[in-house]
N, C-alpha and C. Protein backbone atom coordinates (compact mmCIF):
# COMPACT_ATOMS: atom_id res chain seq x y z
N UNK A 1 -3.70 116.90 7.96
CA UNK A 1 -4.37 116.35 8.21
C UNK A 1 -3.78 115.90 6.06
N UNK A 2 -2.96 115.66 6.38
CA UNK A 2 -2.98 114.68 4.70
C UNK A 2 -2.48 113.04 4.82
N UNK A 3 -2.19 112.94 6.37
CA UNK A 3 -1.69 111.89 7.21
C UNK A 3 -3.27 111.21 6.97
N UNK A 4 -4.09 111.97 7.58
CA UNK A 4 -5.24 111.49 7.84
C UNK A 4 -6.47 110.94 6.50
N UNK A 5 -6.11 111.42 5.35
CA UNK A 5 -6.85 111.23 4.31
C UNK A 5 -6.12 109.87 3.80
N UNK A 6 -5.06 109.31 3.90
CA UNK A 6 -3.98 108.50 3.57
C UNK A 6 -4.29 107.02 3.83
N UNK A 7 -4.62 107.33 5.96
CA UNK A 7 -5.04 105.97 5.74
C UNK A 7 -6.63 105.96 5.50
N UNK A 8 -7.25 107.21 5.53
CA UNK A 8 -8.75 106.05 4.76
C UNK A 8 -9.00 106.57 3.46
N UNK A 9 -8.37 106.14 2.73
CA UNK A 9 -8.24 105.43 0.94
C UNK A 9 -8.27 103.93 1.22
N UNK A 10 -8.77 103.28 0.15
CA UNK A 10 -9.29 101.67 0.28
C UNK A 10 -7.74 101.25 -0.45
N UNK A 11 -8.02 100.47 0.27
CA UNK A 11 -6.56 99.53 -0.59
C UNK A 11 -7.26 98.72 -2.14
N UNK A 12 -6.07 99.24 -3.20
CA UNK A 12 -6.75 99.26 -4.60
C UNK A 12 -5.71 98.12 -5.49
N UNK A 13 -5.12 96.84 -4.71
CA UNK A 13 -4.18 95.75 -5.21
C UNK A 13 -4.82 94.47 -4.55
N UNK A 14 -4.73 93.54 -4.34
CA UNK A 14 -5.71 92.27 -4.35
C UNK A 14 -4.10 91.10 -3.68
N UNK A 15 -4.06 90.99 -2.90
CA UNK A 15 -2.71 89.84 -2.42
C UNK A 15 -3.41 88.42 -2.71
N UNK A 16 -3.00 87.83 -4.07
CA UNK A 16 -3.23 86.42 -4.73
C UNK A 16 -2.96 85.20 -3.25
N UNK A 17 -2.19 85.80 -3.27
CA UNK A 17 -0.65 84.24 -2.70
C UNK A 17 -1.58 83.36 -2.02
N UNK A 18 -2.11 84.21 -0.85
CA UNK A 18 -2.94 83.05 0.67
C UNK A 18 -4.03 82.19 -0.17
N UNK A 19 -4.11 82.43 -1.68
CA UNK A 19 -5.23 81.79 -2.30
C UNK A 19 -5.12 81.18 -2.95
N UNK A 20 -3.51 81.67 -3.47
CA UNK A 20 -2.83 80.23 -4.40
C UNK A 20 -2.59 79.45 -3.27
N UNK A 21 -2.26 79.72 -2.31
CA UNK A 21 -1.43 78.87 -0.78
C UNK A 21 -2.20 77.63 -0.25
N UNK A 22 -3.65 78.51 -0.36
CA UNK A 22 -4.76 77.58 -0.17
C UNK A 22 -5.58 76.49 -1.06
N UNK A 23 -5.12 77.46 -2.27
CA UNK A 23 -5.78 75.99 -3.84
C UNK A 23 -4.85 75.13 -3.10
N UNK A 24 -3.83 75.41 -3.74
CA UNK A 24 -2.55 74.20 -3.50
C UNK A 24 -2.43 72.83 -2.68
N UNK A 25 -2.62 73.06 -1.22
CA UNK A 25 -2.97 72.62 0.17
C UNK A 25 -4.45 72.04 -0.42
N UNK A 26 -5.80 72.48 -0.93
CA UNK A 26 -6.56 71.79 -0.99
C UNK A 26 -6.86 70.10 -2.02
N UNK A 27 -5.79 70.75 -3.34
CA UNK A 27 -5.39 69.84 -5.11
C UNK A 27 -4.70 69.39 -3.86
N UNK A 28 -3.86 69.20 -2.76
CA UNK A 28 -2.81 68.17 -1.93
C UNK A 28 -3.89 67.25 -1.50
N UNK A 29 -4.75 67.84 -0.54
CA UNK A 29 -5.45 67.07 0.19
C UNK A 29 -6.37 66.11 -0.73
N UNK A 30 -6.85 66.77 -1.34
CA UNK A 30 -8.20 66.17 -2.30
C UNK A 30 -6.75 65.25 -3.13
N UNK A 31 -6.03 64.85 -4.02
CA UNK A 31 -5.40 63.96 -4.76
C UNK A 31 -4.67 63.04 -3.59
N UNK A 32 -4.62 62.83 -2.23
CA UNK A 32 -4.15 62.18 -1.48
C UNK A 32 -5.58 61.21 -0.75
N UNK A 33 -6.50 62.20 -0.63
CA UNK A 33 -7.80 61.21 0.04
C UNK A 33 -7.96 60.76 -1.30
N UNK A 34 -8.23 61.17 -2.49
CA UNK A 34 -8.94 59.87 -4.01
C UNK A 34 -7.88 58.56 -3.88
N UNK A 35 -6.95 59.08 -3.69
CA UNK A 35 -5.64 57.91 -3.93
C UNK A 35 -5.80 56.92 -2.74
N UNK A 36 -5.93 57.32 -1.23
CA UNK A 36 -6.74 55.90 -0.84
C UNK A 36 -7.81 55.42 -0.46
N UNK A 37 -8.86 56.14 -1.61
CA UNK A 37 -10.13 55.50 -1.25
C UNK A 37 -10.65 54.64 -2.56
N UNK A 38 -9.62 55.07 -3.76
CA UNK A 38 -9.18 54.20 -4.64
C UNK A 38 -8.78 52.95 -4.17
N UNK A 39 -7.84 52.53 -3.77
CA UNK A 39 -6.86 51.83 -2.28
C UNK A 39 -8.02 50.69 -2.16
N UNK A 40 -8.80 50.96 -1.60
CA UNK A 40 -9.79 50.37 -0.61
C UNK A 40 -10.59 49.38 -1.21
N UNK A 41 -10.90 49.94 -2.34
CA UNK A 41 -11.10 48.56 -3.46
C UNK A 41 -10.44 46.80 -2.70
N UNK A 42 -11.69 46.08 -2.98
CA UNK A 42 -11.36 44.51 -2.75
C UNK A 42 -10.10 44.38 -4.28
N UNK A 43 -9.66 43.37 -4.09
CA UNK A 43 -8.44 42.92 -4.85
C UNK A 43 -9.22 42.29 -5.84
N UNK A 44 -8.66 42.02 -6.88
CA UNK A 44 -9.70 40.93 -8.15
C UNK A 44 -8.33 40.74 -8.83
N UNK A 45 -8.18 39.21 -9.36
CA UNK A 45 -7.65 38.55 -9.99
C UNK A 45 -8.30 38.52 -11.42
N UNK A 46 -8.45 40.06 -12.26
CA UNK A 46 -9.26 39.74 -12.96
C UNK A 46 -9.01 39.28 -14.47
N UNK A 47 -9.54 38.72 -15.28
CA UNK A 47 -8.83 37.84 -16.46
C UNK A 47 -8.06 38.79 -17.63
N UNK A 48 -6.99 38.21 -18.26
CA UNK A 48 -6.46 39.42 -19.00
C UNK A 48 -7.07 38.52 -20.96
N UNK A 49 -7.52 39.54 -21.50
CA UNK A 49 -7.35 39.62 -22.99
C UNK A 49 -7.06 39.47 -24.08
N UNK A 50 -6.49 38.84 -24.67
CA UNK A 50 -5.33 39.73 -26.04
C UNK A 50 -6.68 39.64 -27.13
N UNK A 51 -7.40 39.43 -27.56
CA UNK A 51 -8.04 38.85 -28.64
C UNK A 51 -9.65 38.92 -28.15
N UNK A 52 -10.98 39.61 -28.39
CA UNK A 52 -11.76 39.41 -28.24
C UNK A 52 -12.42 38.34 -28.22
N UNK A 53 -11.61 37.61 -29.17
CA UNK A 53 -12.68 36.27 -28.74
C UNK A 53 -12.74 34.76 -28.21
N UNK A 54 -11.12 35.61 -27.28
CA UNK A 54 -10.57 34.49 -26.05
C UNK A 54 -11.69 34.06 -25.01
N UNK A 55 -11.65 33.11 -25.03
CA UNK A 55 -12.86 32.10 -24.01
C UNK A 55 -11.59 31.66 -22.92
N UNK A 56 -12.19 31.54 -21.28
CA UNK A 56 -11.74 31.47 -20.51
C UNK A 56 -12.17 29.62 -20.56
N UNK A 57 -11.53 28.94 -19.51
CA UNK A 57 -11.04 27.62 -19.39
C UNK A 57 -11.44 27.59 -17.98
N UNK A 58 -12.73 27.38 -17.81
CA UNK A 58 -13.56 26.92 -15.83
C UNK A 58 -12.83 25.11 -16.00
N UNK A 59 -12.42 24.48 -14.57
CA UNK A 59 -12.62 23.56 -13.81
C UNK A 59 -13.33 23.59 -12.87
N UNK A 60 -15.24 22.78 -13.22
CA UNK A 60 -16.26 23.35 -12.36
C UNK A 60 -15.92 21.77 -11.45
N UNK A 61 -15.68 22.46 -9.38
CA UNK A 61 -16.01 21.12 -8.97
C UNK A 61 -16.81 21.18 -8.06
N UNK A 62 -18.40 20.10 -8.01
CA UNK A 62 -19.11 20.44 -6.84
C UNK A 62 -19.19 19.37 -5.68
N UNK A 63 -19.23 19.94 -4.69
CA UNK A 63 -19.90 19.31 -3.39
C UNK A 63 -21.34 18.90 -3.38
N UNK A 64 -21.84 18.14 -3.11
CA UNK A 64 -23.81 18.15 -2.75
C UNK A 64 -23.82 17.46 -1.35
N UNK A 65 -24.73 17.58 -0.94
CA UNK A 65 -25.59 17.46 0.82
C UNK A 65 -24.18 16.17 0.84
N UNK A 66 -24.70 15.21 0.13
CA UNK A 66 -24.08 13.68 0.60
C UNK A 66 -22.10 14.04 0.43
N UNK A 67 -21.64 14.93 0.03
CA UNK A 67 -20.60 14.57 0.04
C UNK A 67 -20.16 14.08 -1.05
N UNK A 68 -20.70 14.05 -2.13
CA UNK A 68 -20.11 13.37 -3.42
C UNK A 68 -19.94 14.44 -4.39
N UNK A 69 -17.96 14.14 -4.23
CA UNK A 69 -17.59 14.95 -6.27
C UNK A 69 -17.72 15.02 -6.95
N UNK A 70 -18.22 15.65 -8.33
CA UNK A 70 -17.86 15.90 -9.15
C UNK A 70 -16.81 16.83 -9.29
N UNK A 71 -16.69 16.51 -10.84
CA UNK A 71 -15.30 17.72 -11.33
C UNK A 71 -15.99 17.88 -13.01
N UNK A 72 -16.09 18.80 -13.86
CA UNK A 72 -16.62 18.60 -15.05
C UNK A 72 -18.16 18.35 -15.39
N UNK A 73 -18.75 17.52 -14.26
CA UNK A 73 -19.86 17.47 -14.80
C UNK A 73 -20.40 15.69 -14.08
N UNK A 74 -18.52 15.21 -14.28
CA UNK A 74 -19.33 14.03 -13.63
C UNK A 74 -18.69 13.46 -12.33
N UNK A 75 -19.21 12.15 -11.74
CA UNK A 75 -18.48 12.01 -10.54
C UNK A 75 -16.76 12.08 -10.47
N UNK A 76 -17.04 12.03 -9.36
CA UNK A 76 -15.17 11.70 -9.02
C UNK A 76 -15.20 10.70 -7.52
N UNK A 77 -14.10 9.50 -7.93
CA UNK A 77 -14.44 8.60 -6.67
C UNK A 77 -13.88 9.21 -5.82
N UNK A 78 -12.74 9.68 -5.75
CA UNK A 78 -12.18 10.01 -4.73
C UNK A 78 -10.90 10.84 -4.73
N UNK A 79 -9.86 11.81 -3.36
CA UNK A 79 -9.87 13.24 -4.03
C UNK A 79 -8.48 12.98 -4.88
N UNK A 80 -7.47 11.95 -4.64
CA UNK A 80 -6.64 10.99 -6.31
C UNK A 80 -7.13 11.83 -7.57
N UNK A 81 -8.07 11.05 -7.66
CA UNK A 81 -8.93 10.86 -8.92
C UNK A 81 -9.38 12.49 -9.39
N UNK A 82 -9.54 13.35 -8.30
CA UNK A 82 -9.85 15.21 -8.23
C UNK A 82 -8.70 15.78 -9.02
N UNK A 83 -7.38 14.90 -7.85
CA UNK A 83 -5.81 15.96 -8.06
C UNK A 83 -5.71 16.28 -9.45
N UNK A 84 -5.66 14.52 -9.95
CA UNK A 84 -5.24 14.08 -11.12
C UNK A 84 -5.85 14.34 -12.49
N UNK A 85 -7.46 14.72 -11.96
CA UNK A 85 -7.47 15.54 -13.15
C UNK A 85 -7.93 17.04 -12.85
N UNK A 86 -7.67 17.43 -12.29
CA UNK A 86 -7.47 19.01 -12.12
C UNK A 86 -5.74 19.29 -11.69
N UNK A 87 -5.30 18.38 -12.20
CA UNK A 87 -3.56 18.66 -12.88
C UNK A 87 -3.34 18.12 -14.20
N UNK A 88 -4.15 17.63 -14.79
CA UNK A 88 -4.30 18.10 -16.01
C UNK A 88 -5.26 19.11 -17.18
N UNK A 89 -6.16 19.27 -16.26
CA UNK A 89 -6.57 20.93 -16.65
C UNK A 89 -5.76 21.71 -16.76
N UNK A 90 -5.18 21.94 -15.36
CA UNK A 90 -3.94 22.88 -15.31
C UNK A 90 -2.93 22.80 -16.33
N UNK A 91 -2.91 21.29 -16.92
CA UNK A 91 -1.82 20.60 -18.21
C UNK A 91 -1.71 21.52 -18.58
N UNK A 92 -3.14 21.51 -19.32
CA UNK A 92 -3.73 22.24 -21.07
C UNK A 92 -4.07 23.64 -21.06
N UNK A 93 -4.22 23.54 -19.92
CA UNK A 93 -4.69 25.63 -19.75
C UNK A 93 -3.43 25.78 -18.88
N UNK A 94 -2.56 26.80 -18.85
CA UNK A 94 -1.67 27.00 -17.36
C UNK A 94 -2.71 28.77 -16.15
N UNK A 95 -3.65 28.58 -17.60
CA UNK A 95 -4.67 30.09 -17.20
C UNK A 95 -5.67 29.41 -16.76
N UNK A 96 -5.82 28.32 -15.77
CA UNK A 96 -6.75 27.12 -15.09
C UNK A 96 -7.95 27.95 -14.23
N UNK A 97 -9.12 28.51 -14.25
CA UNK A 97 -10.02 28.69 -13.41
C UNK A 97 -10.49 28.21 -12.86
N UNK A 98 -10.71 27.63 -11.33
CA UNK A 98 -11.76 26.51 -10.80
C UNK A 98 -12.95 27.47 -9.95
N UNK A 99 -13.63 26.59 -10.50
CA UNK A 99 -14.59 27.61 -9.32
C UNK A 99 -15.21 25.64 -8.37
N UNK A 100 -15.60 26.38 -7.07
CA UNK A 100 -16.06 24.93 -6.10
C UNK A 100 -17.90 25.48 -5.90
N UNK A 101 -18.42 24.53 -6.44
CA UNK A 101 -19.78 24.86 -6.32
C UNK A 101 -20.15 23.94 -5.18
N UNK A 102 -20.97 24.21 -4.33
CA UNK A 102 -20.71 23.69 -2.93
C UNK A 102 -22.64 23.42 -2.49
N UNK A 103 -22.90 22.94 -1.87
CA UNK A 103 -24.32 22.88 -1.47
C UNK A 103 -23.89 23.30 0.00
N UNK A 104 -25.54 23.78 0.12
CA UNK A 104 -24.81 24.43 1.17
C UNK A 104 -25.48 23.40 3.03
N UNK A 105 -25.90 22.30 2.63
CA UNK A 105 -25.97 20.96 3.58
C UNK A 105 -24.91 20.10 3.83
N UNK A 106 -24.00 20.96 2.50
CA UNK A 106 -21.99 20.10 2.63
C UNK A 106 -20.97 20.27 3.94
N UNK A 107 -20.45 19.76 4.67
CA UNK A 107 -19.88 19.91 5.37
C UNK A 107 -18.86 20.70 5.11
N UNK A 108 -18.25 22.00 6.30
CA UNK A 108 -17.22 22.41 5.49
C UNK A 108 -15.86 22.21 5.89
N UNK A 109 -15.47 20.81 6.49
CA UNK A 109 -14.45 19.94 6.12
C UNK A 109 -14.83 19.51 4.77
N UNK A 110 -15.21 19.37 4.17
CA UNK A 110 -15.72 18.14 2.87
C UNK A 110 -15.40 19.88 1.95
N UNK A 111 -15.91 20.67 1.68
CA UNK A 111 -15.13 21.80 1.11
C UNK A 111 -14.16 22.64 1.42
N UNK A 112 -13.46 22.10 2.14
CA UNK A 112 -12.28 22.23 2.37
C UNK A 112 -10.94 21.30 2.28
N UNK A 113 -12.12 20.48 2.38
CA UNK A 113 -10.37 19.41 1.90
C UNK A 113 -10.68 18.97 -0.01
N UNK A 114 -11.44 19.48 -0.54
CA UNK A 114 -11.58 19.80 -2.32
C UNK A 114 -10.89 20.84 -2.19
N UNK A 115 -10.69 22.00 -1.69
CA UNK A 115 -9.89 22.89 -1.70
C UNK A 115 -8.43 22.95 -2.10
N UNK A 116 -8.37 21.86 -0.32
CA UNK A 116 -6.79 21.90 -1.15
C UNK A 116 -6.39 20.89 -1.24
N UNK A 117 -7.55 19.60 -2.00
CA UNK A 117 -6.44 19.06 -2.93
C UNK A 117 -6.61 20.23 -4.44
N UNK A 118 -7.25 20.86 -5.10
CA UNK A 118 -7.41 21.19 -6.00
C UNK A 118 -6.70 22.16 -5.90
N UNK A 119 -5.74 23.00 -4.88
CA UNK A 119 -4.47 23.21 -4.41
C UNK A 119 -3.24 22.78 -4.89
N UNK A 120 -3.24 21.47 -4.09
CA UNK A 120 -2.07 20.32 -3.91
C UNK A 120 -1.80 20.17 -5.53
N UNK A 121 -2.94 20.03 -6.71
CA UNK A 121 -2.96 20.18 -7.36
C UNK A 121 -1.94 21.10 -8.69
N UNK A 122 -2.12 22.70 -8.15
CA UNK A 122 -0.92 23.13 -8.91
C UNK A 122 -2.30 24.46 -8.89
N UNK A 123 -3.27 24.29 -8.59
CA UNK A 123 -4.41 25.31 -8.90
C UNK A 123 -4.61 26.70 -8.08
N UNK A 124 -4.35 27.28 -8.11
CA UNK A 124 -3.67 28.67 -7.35
C UNK A 124 -5.65 29.66 -7.72
N UNK A 125 -6.00 29.85 -8.48
CA UNK A 125 -7.26 30.42 -9.19
C UNK A 125 -8.19 29.88 -8.97
N UNK A 126 -9.00 29.77 -7.06
CA UNK A 126 -10.25 29.35 -7.27
C UNK A 126 -11.11 30.35 -6.87
N UNK A 127 -12.56 29.96 -7.36
CA UNK A 127 -13.34 30.78 -6.91
C UNK A 127 -14.67 30.22 -6.29
N UNK A 128 -14.79 30.26 -5.29
CA UNK A 128 -16.74 29.37 -5.40
C UNK A 128 -18.00 30.37 -5.74
N UNK A 129 -18.57 29.23 -5.91
CA UNK A 129 -19.93 30.01 -6.58
C UNK A 129 -20.63 29.80 -5.76
N UNK A 130 -21.84 31.09 -5.95
CA UNK A 130 -23.34 31.05 -5.25
C UNK A 130 -24.17 32.30 -5.45
N UNK A 131 -25.41 31.57 -5.18
CA UNK A 131 -26.09 32.44 -5.87
C UNK A 131 -27.15 32.99 -5.06
N UNK A 132 -27.17 34.79 -6.09
CA UNK A 132 -27.98 35.79 -5.72
C UNK A 132 -28.69 36.03 -4.54
N UNK A 133 -28.93 36.96 -3.30
CA UNK A 133 -29.94 36.33 -2.11
C UNK A 133 -30.45 37.22 -2.38
N UNK A 134 -32.27 36.97 -2.59
CA UNK A 134 -32.82 37.53 -2.44
C UNK A 134 -32.99 39.12 -1.20
N UNK A 135 -33.30 39.65 -1.96
CA UNK A 135 -33.10 41.33 -1.43
C UNK A 135 -33.78 41.28 -0.26
N UNK A 136 -33.54 41.51 0.88
CA UNK A 136 -34.85 42.12 1.87
C UNK A 136 -35.69 42.30 1.75
N UNK A 137 -36.94 42.39 1.65
CA UNK A 137 -38.11 43.48 2.17
C UNK A 137 -38.02 45.17 3.10
N UNK A 138 -37.62 45.72 2.54
CA UNK A 138 -37.88 47.16 3.21
C UNK A 138 -39.56 47.31 3.90
N UNK A 139 -39.79 47.61 5.36
CA UNK A 139 -40.71 47.85 5.67
C UNK A 139 -41.47 48.58 5.59
């Protein structure tokens, strides 16, 4: 009869080893997935500032609907002049950023030609200007 009573007794100890194992596995899974999620962002070339008052120099290039090119607000006769102006601006500031603003009616070939000209001058930081589109209305 003593054997039957020993089987009916409840366990008084809790084994926490499986709980710790599962917790560590879940922690590792969350750490790996968090790293993957953070790595899926769009890579950006963000500016670096040593002081709060630092100012970025931007070289603005515009292409209108007729294909006329402007550099920093004044008309440019041809691609060679644009290349010279971009090169001079780059020499003045090695951290130069260029923004190309093209009309929607400008040809794709003309915009790519401007991009190639600016890159030929040595400028590597190029962005395209765009206006924010109106959000579509919900039905």
